[in-house]
PDB file of N, CA and C in Angstrom:
ATOM      1  N   MET A   1     169.570  54.166 170.753  1.00  0.00           N
ATOM      2  CA  MET A   1     170.434  53.007 170.689  1.00  0.00           C
ATOM      3  C   MET A   1     169.762  51.870 171.446  1.00  0.00           C
ATOM      4  N   GLN A   2     169.948  50.676 170.961  1.00  0.00           N
ATOM      5  CA  GLN A   2     169.391  49.490 171.601  1.00  0.00           C
ATOM      6  C   GLN A   2     170.509  48.510 171.949  1.00  0.00           C
ATOM      7  N   ALA A   3     170.244  47.710 172.988  1.00  0.00           N
ATOM      8  CA  ALA A   3     171.160  46.648 173.388  1.00  0.00           C
ATOM      9  C   ALA A   3     170.321  45.529 173.981  1.00  0.00           C
ATOM     10  N   VAL A   4     170.878  44.339 174.025  1.00  0.00           N
ATOM     11  CA  VAL A   4     170.192  43.198 174.614  1.00  0.00           C
ATOM     12  C   VAL A   4     171.048  42.664 175.752  1.00  0.00           C
ATOM     13  N   ILE A   5     170.410  42.414 176.910  1.00  0.00           N
ATOM     14  CA  ILE A   5     171.088  41.750 178.015  1.00  0.00           C
ATOM     15  C   ILE A   5     170.449  40.385 178.201  1.00  0.00           C
ATOM     16  N   LEU A   6     171.218  39.444 178.723  1.00  0.00           N
ATOM     17  CA  LEU A   6     170.719  38.089 178.953  1.00  0.00           C
ATOM     18  C   LEU A   6     170.833  37.733 180.424  1.00  0.00           C
ATOM     19  N   TYR A   7     169.795  37.110 180.943  1.00  0.00           N
ATOM     20  CA  TYR A   7     169.826  36.555 182.299  1.00  0.00           C
ATOM     21  C   TYR A   7     169.329  35.124 182.181  1.00  0.00           C
ATOM     22  N   TYR A   8     170.237  34.179 182.363  1.00  0.00           N
ATOM     23  CA  TYR A   8     169.940  32.755 182.186  1.00  0.00           C
ATOM     24  C   TYR A   8     169.256  32.496 180.845  1.00  0.00           C
ATOM     25  N   GLY A   9     169.780  33.123 179.827  1.00  0.00           N
ATOM     26  CA  GLY A   9     169.279  32.903 178.474  1.00  0.00           C
ATOM     27  C   GLY A   9     168.039  33.702 178.120  1.00  0.00           C
ATOM     28  N   GLN A  10     167.446  34.420 179.070  1.00  0.00           N
ATOM     29  CA  GLN A  10     166.260  35.233 178.793  1.00  0.00           C
ATOM     30  C   GLN A  10     166.705  36.614 178.321  1.00  0.00           C
ATOM     31  N   PRO A  11     166.421  36.951 177.059  1.00  0.00           N
ATOM     32  CA  PRO A  11     166.846  38.258 176.547  1.00  0.00           C
ATOM     33  C   PRO A  11     165.899  39.375 176.983  1.00  0.00           C
ATOM     34  N   THR A  12     166.468  40.533 177.276  1.00  0.00           N
ATOM     35  CA  THR A  12     165.705  41.743 177.566  1.00  0.00           C
ATOM     36  C   THR A  12     166.308  42.856 176.724  1.00  0.00           C
ATOM     37  N   LEU A  13     165.453  43.550 175.984  1.00  0.00           N
ATOM     38  CA  LEU A  13     165.887  44.637 175.110  1.00  0.00           C
ATOM     39  C   LEU A  13     165.948  45.932 175.904  1.00  0.00           C
ATOM     40  N   LEU A  14     167.059  46.640 175.799  1.00  0.00           N
ATOM     41  CA  LEU A  14     167.230  47.945 176.420  1.00  0.00           C
ATOM     42  C   LEU A  14     167.191  48.996 175.325  1.00  0.00           C
ATOM     43  N   GLU A  15     166.458  50.059 175.555  1.00  0.00           N
ATOM     44  CA  GLU A  15     166.418  51.172 174.603  1.00  0.00           C
ATOM     45  C   GLU A  15     166.860  52.435 175.325  1.00  0.00           C
ATOM     46  N   PHE A  16     167.963  52.995 174.836  1.00  0.00           N
ATOM     47  CA  PHE A  16     168.521  54.208 175.414  1.00  0.00           C
ATOM     48  C   PHE A  16     167.960  55.433 174.689  1.00  0.00           C
ATOM     49  N   SER A  17     167.926  56.562 175.373  1.00  0.00           N
ATOM     50  CA  SER A  17     167.354  57.769 174.784  1.00  0.00           C
ATOM     51  C   SER A  17     168.282  58.440 173.778  1.00  0.00           C
ATOM     52  N   LYS A  18     169.581  58.180 173.881  1.00  0.00           N
ATOM     53  CA  LYS A  18     170.540  58.803 172.958  1.00  0.00           C
ATOM     54  C   LYS A  18     171.117  57.750 172.016  1.00  0.00           C
ATOM     55  N   ASP A  19     171.635  58.191 170.891  1.00  0.00           N
ATOM     56  CA  ASP A  19     172.246  57.278 169.924  1.00  0.00           C
ATOM     57  C   ASP A  19     173.654  56.851 170.328  1.00  0.00           C
ATOM     58  N   GLU A  20     174.312  57.641 171.187  1.00  0.00           N
ATOM     59  CA  GLU A  20     175.667  57.287 171.626  1.00  0.00           C
ATOM     60  C   GLU A  20     175.944  57.889 172.994  1.00  0.00           C
ATOM     61  N   ASP A  21     177.083  57.525 173.569  1.00  0.00           N
ATOM     62  CA  ASP A  21     177.511  57.998 174.896  1.00  0.00           C
ATOM     63  C   ASP A  21     176.509  57.644 175.993  1.00  0.00           C
ATOM     64  N   ASN A  22     175.884  56.475 175.903  1.00  0.00           N
ATOM     65  CA  ASN A  22     174.945  56.020 176.922  1.00  0.00           C
ATOM     66  C   ASN A  22     175.696  55.294 178.027  1.00  0.00           C
ATOM     67  N   GLU A  23     175.138  55.350 179.220  1.00  0.00           N
ATOM     68  CA  GLU A  23     175.721  54.665 180.371  1.00  0.00           C
ATOM     69  C   GLU A  23     174.640  53.920 181.118  1.00  0.00           C
ATOM     70  N   MET A  24     175.053  52.820 181.771  1.00  0.00           N
ATOM     71  CA  MET A  24     174.153  52.062 182.615  1.00  0.00           C
ATOM     72  C   MET A  24     174.948  51.607 183.830  1.00  0.00           C
ATOM     73  N   LYS A  25     174.452  51.927 185.012  1.00  0.00           N
ATOM     74  CA  LYS A  25     175.103  51.486 186.240  1.00  0.00           C
ATOM     75  C   LYS A  25     174.745  50.026 186.445  1.00  0.00           C
ATOM     76  N   ILE A  26     175.781  49.176 186.540  1.00  0.00           N
ATOM     77  CA  ILE A  26     175.521  47.742 186.665  1.00  0.00           C
ATOM     78  C   ILE A  26     176.045  47.148 187.964  1.00  0.00           C
ATOM     79  N   GLY A  27     176.583  47.956 188.825  1.00  0.00           N
ATOM     80  CA  GLY A  27     177.113  47.416 190.069  1.00  0.00           C
ATOM     81  C   GLY A  27     178.571  47.045 189.929  1.00  0.00           C
ATOM     82  N   LYS A  28     179.055  46.303 190.885  1.00  0.00           N
ATOM     83  CA  LYS A  28     180.484  46.006 190.930  1.00  0.00           C
ATOM     84  C   LYS A  28     180.796  44.524 190.870  1.00  0.00           C
ATOM     85  N   THR A  29     179.803  43.690 190.587  1.00  0.00           N
ATOM     86  CA  THR A  29     180.044  42.258 190.572  1.00  0.00           C
ATOM     87  C   THR A  29     179.957  41.717 189.149  1.00  0.00           C
ATOM     88  N   LEU A  30     181.064  41.277 188.625  1.00  0.00           N
ATOM     89  CA  LEU A  30     181.111  40.618 187.326  1.00  0.00           C
ATOM     90  C   LEU A  30     181.942  39.351 187.493  1.00  0.00           C
ATOM     91  N   PHE A  31     181.532  38.290 186.851  1.00  0.00           N
ATOM     92  CA  PHE A  31     182.259  37.030 186.963  1.00  0.00           C
ATOM     93  C   PHE A  31     183.537  37.036 186.134  1.00  0.00           C
ATOM     94  N   THR A  32     184.571  36.469 186.702  1.00  0.00           N
ATOM     95  CA  THR A  32     185.781  36.186 185.937  1.00  0.00           C
ATOM     96  C   THR A  32     185.497  34.932 185.109  1.00  0.00           C
ATOM     97  N   GLN A  33     186.413  34.538 184.265  1.00  0.00           N
ATOM     98  CA  GLN A  33     186.229  33.312 183.479  1.00  0.00           C
ATOM     99  C   GLN A  33     186.070  32.107 184.404  1.00  0.00           C
ATOM    100  N   VAL A  34     186.865  32.061 185.470  1.00  0.00           N
ATOM    101  CA  VAL A  34     186.752  30.968 186.441  1.00  0.00           C
ATOM    102  C   VAL A  34     185.377  30.996 187.111  1.00  0.00           C
ATOM    103  N   GLY A  35     184.898  32.178 187.456  1.00  0.00           N
ATOM    104  CA  GLY A  35     183.575  32.314 188.064  1.00  0.00           C
ATOM    105  C   GLY A  35     182.477  31.815 187.143  1.00  0.00           C
ATOM    106  N   LYS A  36     182.595  32.127 185.856  1.00  0.00           N
ATOM    107  CA  LYS A  36     181.613  31.651 184.878  1.00  0.00           C
ATOM    108  C   LYS A  36     181.600  30.125 184.821  1.00  0.00           C
ATOM    109  N   GLU A  37     182.775  29.518 184.889  1.00  0.00           N
ATOM    110  CA  GLU A  37     182.857  28.057 184.863  1.00  0.00           C
ATOM    111  C   GLU A  37     182.268  27.457 186.138  1.00  0.00           C
ATOM    112  N   LEU A  38     182.490  28.108 187.273  1.00  0.00           N
ATOM    113  CA  LEU A  38     181.942  27.613 188.537  1.00  0.00           C
ATOM    114  C   LEU A  38     180.414  27.645 188.559  1.00  0.00           C
ATOM    115  N   VAL A  39     179.824  28.629 187.918  1.00  0.00           N
ATOM    116  CA  VAL A  39     178.358  28.724 187.878  1.00  0.00           C
ATOM    117  C   VAL A  39     177.763  27.448 187.295  1.00  0.00           C
ATOM    118  N   SER A  40     178.354  26.953 186.214  1.00  0.00           N
ATOM    119  CA  SER A  40     177.804  25.744 185.594  1.00  0.00           C
ATOM    120  C   SER A  40     178.054  24.507 186.459  1.00  0.00           C
ATOM    121  N   ILE A  41     179.151  24.480 187.202  1.00  0.00           N
ATOM    122  CA  ILE A  41     179.462  23.339 188.065  1.00  0.00           C
ATOM    123  C   ILE A  41     178.576  23.337 189.316  1.00  0.00           C
ATOM    124  N   CYS A  42     178.337  24.507 189.889  1.00  0.00           N
ATOM    125  CA  CYS A  42     177.584  24.618 191.144  1.00  0.00           C
ATOM    126  C   CYS A  42     176.082  24.446 190.968  1.00  0.00           C
ATOM    127  N   GLY A  43     175.600  24.457 189.759  1.00  0.00           N
ATOM    128  CA  GLY A  43     174.172  24.284 189.529  1.00  0.00           C
ATOM    129  C   GLY A  43     173.349  25.472 189.968  1.00  0.00           C
ATOM    130  N   SER A  44     173.773  26.681 189.621  1.00  0.00           N
ATOM    131  CA  SER A  44     173.005  27.865 189.996  1.00  0.00           C
ATOM    132  C   SER A  44     171.655  27.865 189.278  1.00  0.00           C
ATOM    133  N   ASN A  45     170.707  28.558 189.866  1.00  0.00           N
ATOM    134  CA  ASN A  45     169.365  28.637 189.304  1.00  0.00           C
ATOM    135  C   ASN A  45     168.960  30.081 189.101  1.00  0.00           C
ATOM    136  N   ARG A  46     168.075  30.277 188.146  1.00  0.00           N
ATOM    137  CA  ARG A  46     167.513  31.591 187.860  1.00  0.00           C
ATOM    138  C   ARG A  46     166.682  32.035 189.063  1.00  0.00           C
ATOM    139  N   ASN A  47     166.777  33.322 189.413  1.00  0.00           N
ATOM    140  CA  ASN A  47     166.034  33.872 190.542  1.00  0.00           C
ATOM    141  C   ASN A  47     165.143  35.002 190.024  1.00  0.00           C
ATOM    142  N   GLN A  48     163.841  34.754 189.933  1.00  0.00           N
ATOM    143  CA  GLN A  48     162.903  35.725 189.379  1.00  0.00           C
ATOM    144  C   GLN A  48     162.885  37.022 190.178  1.00  0.00           C
ATOM    145  N   GLU A  49     162.963  36.920 191.500  1.00  0.00           N
ATOM    146  CA  GLU A  49     162.966  38.136 192.322  1.00  0.00           C
ATOM    147  C   GLU A  49     164.179  38.993 192.026  1.00  0.00           C
ATOM    148  N   TYR A  50     165.348  38.379 191.851  1.00  0.00           N
ATOM    149  CA  TYR A  50     166.558  39.134 191.520  1.00  0.00           C
ATOM    150  C   TYR A  50     166.411  39.784 190.149  1.00  0.00           C
ATOM    151  N   TYR A  51     165.890  39.029 189.180  1.00  0.00           N
ATOM    152  CA  TYR A  51     165.696  39.559 187.828  1.00  0.00           C
ATOM    153  C   TYR A  51     164.796  40.794 187.871  1.00  0.00           C
ATOM    154  N   GLU A  52     163.686  40.704 188.590  1.00  0.00           N
ATOM    155  CA  GLU A  52     162.754  41.836 188.686  1.00  0.00           C
ATOM    156  C   GLU A  52     163.404  43.032 189.374  1.00  0.00           C
ATOM    157  N   TYR A  53     164.215  42.778 190.401  1.00  0.00           N
ATOM    158  CA  TYR A  53     164.948  43.855 191.084  1.00  0.00           C
ATOM    159  C   TYR A  53     165.913  44.537 190.108  1.00  0.00           C
ATOM    160  N   ALA A  54     166.669  43.737 189.373  1.00  0.00           N
ATOM    161  CA  ALA A  54     167.655  44.293 188.440  1.00  0.00           C
ATOM    162  C   ALA A  54     166.968  45.107 187.348  1.00  0.00           C
ATOM    163  N   ILE A  55     165.862  44.596 186.820  1.00  0.00           N
ATOM    164  CA  ILE A  55     165.124  45.311 185.782  1.00  0.00           C
ATOM    165  C   ILE A  55     164.586  46.636 186.330  1.00  0.00           C
ATOM    166  N   GLU A  56     164.104  46.615 187.565  1.00  0.00           N
ATOM    167  CA  GLU A  56     163.599  47.841 188.189  1.00  0.00           C
ATOM    168  C   GLU A  56     164.710  48.878 188.320  1.00  0.00           C
ATOM    169  N   GLN A  57     165.903  48.427 188.730  1.00  0.00           N
ATOM    170  CA  GLN A  57     167.030  49.345 188.885  1.00  0.00           C
ATOM    171  C   GLN A  57     167.441  49.955 187.545  1.00  0.00           C
ATOM    172  N   ILE A  58     167.420  49.160 186.499  1.00  0.00           N
ATOM    173  CA  ILE A  58     167.763  49.670 185.165  1.00  0.00           C
ATOM    174  C   ILE A  58     166.701  50.667 184.710  1.00  0.00           C
ATOM    175  N   SER A  59     165.449  50.351 184.942  1.00  0.00           N
ATOM    176  CA  SER A  59     164.353  51.232 184.553  1.00  0.00           C
ATOM    177  C   SER A  59     164.447  52.591 185.247  1.00  0.00           C
ATOM    178  N   LYS A  60     164.883  52.601 186.507  1.00  0.00           N
ATOM    179  CA  LYS A  60     165.037  53.848 187.253  1.00  0.00           C
ATOM    180  C   LYS A  60     166.081  54.767 186.636  1.00  0.00           C
ATOM    181  N   GLN A  61     166.944  54.215 185.773  1.00  0.00           N
ATOM    182  CA  GLN A  61     167.973  55.011 185.099  1.00  0.00           C
ATOM    183  C   GLN A  61     167.448  55.631 183.809  1.00  0.00           C
ATOM    184  N   GLY A  62     166.138  55.483 183.555  1.00  0.00           N
ATOM    185  CA  GLY A  62     165.542  56.084 182.362  1.00  0.00           C
ATOM    186  C   GLY A  62     165.709  55.246 181.110  1.00  0.00           C
ATOM    187  N   ILE A  63     166.062  53.991 181.283  1.00  0.00           N
ATOM    188  CA  ILE A  63     166.242  53.076 180.150  1.00  0.00           C
ATOM    189  C   ILE A  63     164.944  52.302 179.960  1.00  0.00           C
ATOM    190  N   THR A  64     164.456  52.244 178.736  1.00  0.00           N
ATOM    191  CA  THR A  64     163.234  51.511 178.428  1.00  0.00           C
ATOM    192  C   THR A  64     163.575  50.047 178.231  1.00  0.00           C
ATOM    193  N   LEU A  65     162.803  49.154 178.853  1.00  0.00           N
ATOM    194  CA  LEU A  65     163.052  47.711 178.774  1.00  0.00           C
ATOM    195  C   LEU A  65     161.877  47.010 178.120  1.00  0.00           C
ATOM    196  N   SER A  66     162.175  45.978 177.341  1.00  0.00           N
ATOM    197  CA  SER A  66     161.150  45.155 176.703  1.00  0.00           C
ATOM    198  C   SER A  66     161.579  43.701 176.759  1.00  0.00           C
ATOM    199  N   SER A  67     160.608  42.825 177.009  1.00  0.00           N
ATOM    200  CA  SER A  67     160.887  41.389 176.944  1.00  0.00           C
ATOM    201  C   SER A  67     160.975  40.982 175.483  1.00  0.00           C
ATOM    202  N   VAL A  68     161.889  40.090 175.190  1.00  0.00           N
ATOM    203  CA  VAL A  68     162.053  39.582 173.841  1.00  0.00           C
ATOM    204  C   VAL A  68     161.492  38.166 173.819  1.00  0.00           C
ATOM    205  N   LEU A  69     160.469  37.958 173.028  1.00  0.00           N
ATOM    206  CA  LEU A  69     159.860  36.631 172.933  1.00  0.00           C
ATOM    207  C   LEU A  69     160.520  35.835 171.821  1.00  0.00           C
ATOM    208  N   PRO A  70     160.780  34.553 172.054  1.00  0.00           N
ATOM    209  CA  PRO A  70     161.397  33.746 171.002  1.00  0.00           C
ATOM    210  C   PRO A  70     160.436  33.585 169.828  1.00  0.00           C
ATOM    211  N   THR A  71     160.995  33.505 168.636  1.00  0.00           N
ATOM    212  CA  THR A  71     160.174  33.294 167.456  1.00  0.00           C
ATOM    213  C   THR A  71     159.988  31.800 167.234  1.00  0.00           C
ATOM    214  N   LYS A  72     158.823  31.434 166.733  1.00  0.00           N
ATOM    215  CA  LYS A  72     158.549  30.024 166.440  1.00  0.00           C
ATOM    216  C   LYS A  72     159.051  29.700 165.042  1.00  0.00           C
ATOM    217  N   ASN A  73     159.650  28.529 164.928  1.00  0.00           N
ATOM    218  CA  ASN A  73     160.067  28.070 163.601  1.00  0.00           C
ATOM    219  C   ASN A  73     158.829  27.658 162.845  1.00  0.00           C
ATOM    220  N   SER A  74     158.735  28.019 161.596  1.00  0.00           N
ATOM    221  CA  SER A  74     157.548  27.669 160.797  1.00  0.00           C
ATOM    222  C   SER A  74     157.782  26.382 160.012  1.00  0.00           C
ATOM    223  N   SER A  75     158.326  25.362 160.664  1.00  0.00           N
ATOM    224  CA  SER A  75     158.578  24.112 159.975  1.00  0.00           C
ATOM    225  C   SER A  75     157.537  23.084 160.288  1.00  0.00           C
TER     226      SER A  75
END
């Protein structure tokens, strides 16, 4: 099974070993709708060190990760 996660618009592909009943530990912090709105008001910035830490933690769970590169328009 595959899934895509986004961090500041940067997609990362997750590949799980099973077709179903997969789990991923993500911690206990998720934004409410109000929190999501505050992020855009407060001017938060992408943190590469945090991204690398999070990817490492996911990888330790046996999940395969791949960077997704944007495709170029052929116009």
